[in-house]
């Protein structure tokens, strides 16, 4: 499973890109509202930091404007993937953009039926939301599993991108069930990396090394 980062914060992206684990990035209007700067410049910088697909979301709500905005976003950088909502209009715009060779990530997907429609319209990625299901006391991972299973039994080339990831458990389970991608907030990346036994082991090794050098210099 490939790992994308879910943020528009350039400092966070630069830090985690330095770990060598990123294959792409996703943004949305909410994440962009949390940072300063021109949106197109932010997209360009993310593309420089992450050598992989970078999802940039349209904010239009009718097909012609979605298509026009999608074309503009795709022209920013070859790595841009246009992000569209799972809606009647989103499907129409996805079909139009896909015919032009522009990749689309259909977001706010919650059911296998929605995912099948997105794939049939030509989406390159479909983004089932895990955490938002959990927020209403439903099984987000269970719905993700249904989509992965449905796609495995089909001829779709669409990749399943697990989104709305809230915990390292979400990442682990998405990988176990066969999701193609998980897009992960910076906080969860840090949670995945940290373990108290690893930290204690590093500290012990460093203390033992320092003690050995002290004996040598005595």
Protein backbone atom coordinates (compact mmCIF):
# COMPACT_ATOMS: atom_id res chain seq x y z
CA UNK A 1 0.00 0.00 0.00
CA UNK A 2 1.30 3.45 -0.95
CA UNK A 3 1.33 6.26 1.59
CA UNK A 4 0.15 9.78 0.75
CA UNK A 5 0.18 12.74 3.13
CA UNK A 6 -3.09 14.55 3.79
CA UNK A 7 -2.27 18.20 4.42
CA UNK A 8 -1.43 21.50 2.74
CA UNK A 9 1.14 22.44 5.40
CA UNK A 10 4.41 22.68 3.51
CA UNK A 11 6.59 22.30 6.61
CA UNK A 12 4.89 19.04 7.53
CA UNK A 13 5.13 17.76 3.97
CA UNK A 14 8.82 18.64 3.74
CA UNK A 15 9.56 16.90 7.05
CA UNK A 16 7.79 13.64 6.24
CA UNK A 17 8.96 13.64 2.63
CA UNK A 18 12.45 13.59 4.16
CA UNK A 19 11.63 10.20 5.71
CA UNK A 20 11.47 8.76 2.19
CA UNK A 21 8.04 7.19 2.69
CA UNK A 22 5.71 9.38 0.63
CA UNK A 23 4.28 8.43 -2.74
CA UNK A 24 1.84 11.34 -3.07
CA UNK A 25 -0.27 13.96 -1.31
CA UNK A 26 -3.89 15.03 -0.96
CA UNK A 27 -5.36 18.41 -0.13
CA UNK A 28 -8.84 19.87 0.15
CA UNK A 29 -10.36 23.34 0.68
CA UNK A 30 -10.44 22.87 4.46
CA UNK A 31 -6.73 22.00 4.61
CA UNK A 32 -5.85 24.92 2.32
CA UNK A 33 -7.83 27.30 4.56
CA UNK A 34 -5.42 26.43 7.38
CA UNK A 35 -2.32 27.76 5.58
CA UNK A 36 -1.24 31.06 4.10
CA UNK A 37 -0.27 31.67 0.50
CA UNK A 38 -1.48 31.42 -3.07
CA UNK A 39 -3.15 28.06 -3.68
CA UNK A 40 -1.46 27.41 -7.01
CA UNK A 41 1.95 28.18 -5.49
CA UNK A 42 1.18 25.75 -2.66
CA UNK A 43 0.30 23.04 -5.19
CA UNK A 44 3.53 23.68 -7.11
CA UNK A 45 5.62 23.43 -3.97
CA UNK A 46 3.90 20.22 -2.88
CA UNK A 47 4.64 18.74 -6.30
CA UNK A 48 8.31 19.64 -5.81
CA UNK A 49 8.40 17.99 -2.39
CA UNK A 50 6.41 14.86 -3.25
CA UNK A 51 7.30 13.12 -6.49
CA UNK A 52 3.90 11.55 -6.97
CA UNK A 53 0.19 12.33 -7.44
CA UNK A 54 -1.03 15.49 -5.69
CA UNK A 55 -4.80 15.86 -5.35
CA UNK A 56 -6.17 19.39 -5.79
CA UNK A 57 -9.91 19.86 -5.28
CA UNK A 58 -12.35 21.92 -7.31
CA UNK A 59 -14.89 24.10 -5.52
CA UNK A 60 -17.43 24.45 -8.35
CA UNK A 61 -20.84 22.77 -8.15
CA UNK A 62 -21.88 22.45 -11.82
CA UNK A 63 -20.36 20.25 -14.50
CA UNK A 64 -19.05 22.91 -16.94
CA UNK A 65 -17.35 24.89 -14.18
CA UNK A 66 -15.96 21.73 -12.56
CA UNK A 67 -14.46 20.71 -15.89
CA UNK A 68 -13.01 24.18 -16.51
CA UNK A 69 -11.52 24.35 -13.01
CA UNK A 70 -10.23 20.79 -13.31
CA UNK A 71 -8.42 21.64 -16.54
CA UNK A 72 -6.85 24.69 -14.88
CA UNK A 73 -5.66 22.68 -11.88
CA UNK A 74 -4.28 19.88 -14.05
CA UNK A 75 -2.27 22.43 -16.03
CA UNK A 76 -0.37 23.53 -12.91
CA UNK A 77 1.80 20.41 -12.87
CA UNK A 78 1.64 16.97 -14.52
CA UNK A 79 1.41 15.38 -11.06
CA UNK A 80 -1.86 17.13 -10.18
CA UNK A 81 -4.89 14.86 -9.81
CA UNK A 82 -8.20 16.71 -9.89
CA UNK A 83 -10.35 16.03 -6.85
CA UNK A 84 -14.12 15.97 -7.38
CA UNK A 85 -17.02 15.15 -5.03
CA UNK A 86 -19.05 11.98 -5.38
CA UNK A 87 -22.19 13.58 -6.79
CA UNK A 88 -24.21 13.66 -9.99
CA UNK A 89 -22.22 16.68 -11.14
CA UNK A 90 -18.96 15.15 -10.00
CA UNK A 91 -19.59 12.03 -12.05
CA UNK A 92 -20.31 14.08 -15.18
CA UNK A 93 -17.17 16.15 -14.72
CA UNK A 94 -15.10 13.05 -14.00
CA UNK A 95 -16.23 11.44 -17.24
CA UNK A 96 -15.40 14.57 -19.23
CA UNK A 97 -11.97 15.05 -17.67
CA UNK A 98 -11.09 11.35 -17.92
CA UNK A 99 -11.81 11.46 -21.67
CA UNK A 100 -9.18 14.22 -21.89
CA UNK A 101 -6.63 12.11 -20.02
CA UNK A 102 -6.91 14.13 -16.80
CA UNK A 103 -6.79 11.97 -13.68
CA UNK A 104 -9.56 12.36 -11.13
CA UNK A 105 -9.78 11.46 -7.45
CA UNK A 106 -13.43 11.16 -6.41
CA UNK A 107 -13.72 12.20 -2.80
CA UNK A 108 -16.39 11.96 -0.11
CA UNK A 109 -17.16 8.41 -1.12
CA UNK A 110 -18.96 6.35 1.51
CA UNK A 111 -20.41 3.26 -0.13
CA UNK A 112 -19.40 0.55 -2.56
CA UNK A 113 -22.18 1.65 -4.89
CA UNK A 114 -20.77 5.17 -5.01
CA UNK A 115 -17.29 3.77 -5.63
CA UNK A 116 -18.56 1.63 -8.52
CA UNK A 117 -20.17 4.68 -10.10
CA UNK A 118 -16.93 6.67 -9.70
CA UNK A 119 -14.87 3.93 -11.30
CA UNK A 120 -17.38 3.57 -14.14
CA UNK A 121 -17.10 7.32 -14.81
CA UNK A 122 -13.33 6.91 -15.23
CA UNK A 123 -11.93 8.04 -11.87
CA UNK A 124 -8.28 7.16 -11.33
CA UNK A 125 -8.80 7.10 -7.55
CA UNK A 126 -11.81 6.76 -5.30
CA UNK A 127 -11.49 8.00 -1.72
CA UNK A 128 -13.65 6.17 0.84
CA UNK A 129 -13.80 8.10 4.11
CA UNK A 130 -13.09 5.98 7.20
CA UNK A 131 -13.07 8.41 10.11
CA UNK A 132 -16.28 10.21 9.23
CA UNK A 133 -18.14 6.91 9.40
CA UNK A 134 -16.60 6.29 12.80
CA UNK A 135 -17.78 9.76 13.87
CA UNK A 136 -21.39 8.62 13.50
CA UNK A 137 -20.73 5.29 15.23
CA UNK A 138 -20.59 3.23 12.04
CA UNK A 139 -17.85 0.88 10.84
CA UNK A 140 -15.71 2.92 8.46
CA UNK A 141 -13.22 0.11 7.93
CA UNK A 142 -16.04 -2.28 7.14
CA UNK A 143 -17.28 0.00 4.35
CA UNK A 144 -13.72 0.35 3.04
CA UNK A 145 -13.43 -3.44 2.95
CA UNK A 146 -16.63 -3.68 0.88
CA UNK A 147 -15.18 -1.30 -1.72
CA UNK A 148 -11.83 -3.11 -1.89
CA UNK A 149 -13.65 -6.44 -2.30
CA UNK A 150 -15.94 -5.08 -5.00
CA UNK A 151 -13.02 -3.69 -7.00
CA UNK A 152 -10.98 -6.88 -6.63
CA UNK A 153 -13.77 -8.78 -8.36
CA UNK A 154 -14.07 -6.24 -11.19
CA UNK A 155 -12.05 -5.04 -14.16
CA UNK A 156 -11.72 -1.49 -12.80
CA UNK A 157 -8.29 0.13 -12.86
CA UNK A 158 -9.44 2.66 -10.25
CA UNK A 159 -7.30 2.68 -7.11
CA UNK A 160 -8.90 2.63 -3.66
CA UNK A 161 -7.49 5.49 -1.59
CA UNK A 162 -8.36 5.20 2.10
CA UNK A 163 -9.10 8.70 3.40
CA UNK A 164 -10.28 10.38 6.59
CA UNK A 165 -7.62 8.38 8.41
CA UNK A 166 -7.61 9.15 12.13
CA UNK A 167 -5.37 6.52 13.75
CA UNK A 168 -2.46 4.14 13.01
CA UNK A 169 -5.00 1.31 13.32
CA UNK A 170 -6.84 2.74 10.32
CA UNK A 171 -3.60 2.60 8.32
CA UNK A 172 -2.74 -0.95 9.38
CA UNK A 173 -6.23 -2.28 8.66
CA UNK A 174 -6.43 -0.51 5.30
CA UNK A 175 -3.15 -2.19 4.33
CA UNK A 176 -4.33 -5.58 5.58
CA UNK A 177 -7.53 -5.46 3.53
CA UNK A 178 -5.72 -4.43 0.36
CA UNK A 179 -6.36 -0.71 -0.16
CA UNK A 180 -4.06 0.68 -2.84
CA UNK A 181 -3.30 3.93 -0.98
CA UNK A 182 -3.85 5.52 2.42
CA UNK A 183 -3.68 9.28 2.76
CA UNK A 184 -2.50 10.12 6.25
CA UNK A 185 -2.38 13.33 8.34
CA UNK A 186 1.06 14.33 9.69
CA UNK A 187 -0.03 13.60 13.28
CA UNK A 188 -0.81 9.98 12.39
CA UNK A 189 2.53 9.57 10.60
CA UNK A 190 4.26 10.53 13.86
CA UNK A 191 2.04 8.16 15.83
CA UNK A 192 2.92 5.34 13.45
CA UNK A 193 6.63 5.96 13.91
CA UNK A 194 6.77 6.36 17.69
CA UNK A 195 6.95 3.41 20.04
CA UNK A 196 8.15 3.66 23.67
CA UNK A 197 10.30 0.54 23.37
CA UNK A 198 12.06 1.93 20.31
CA UNK A 199 12.72 5.23 22.11
CA UNK A 200 13.95 3.41 25.23
CA UNK A 201 16.19 1.16 23.15
CA UNK A 202 17.78 4.10 21.33
CA UNK A 203 18.35 5.87 24.65
CA UNK A 204 19.94 2.75 26.15
CA UNK A 205 22.26 2.25 23.18
CA UNK A 206 23.34 5.90 23.30
CA UNK A 207 24.02 5.73 27.05
CA UNK A 208 26.01 2.51 26.68
CA UNK A 209 28.03 4.02 23.82
CA UNK A 210 28.77 7.14 25.88
CA UNK A 211 29.84 5.00 28.86
CA UNK A 212 32.21 3.00 26.65
CA UNK A 213 33.82 6.18 25.32
CA UNK A 214 34.17 7.49 28.88
CA UNK A 215 36.00 4.32 29.95
CA UNK A 216 38.24 4.53 26.93
CA UNK A 217 39.24 8.11 27.72
CA UNK A 218 39.75 7.45 31.45
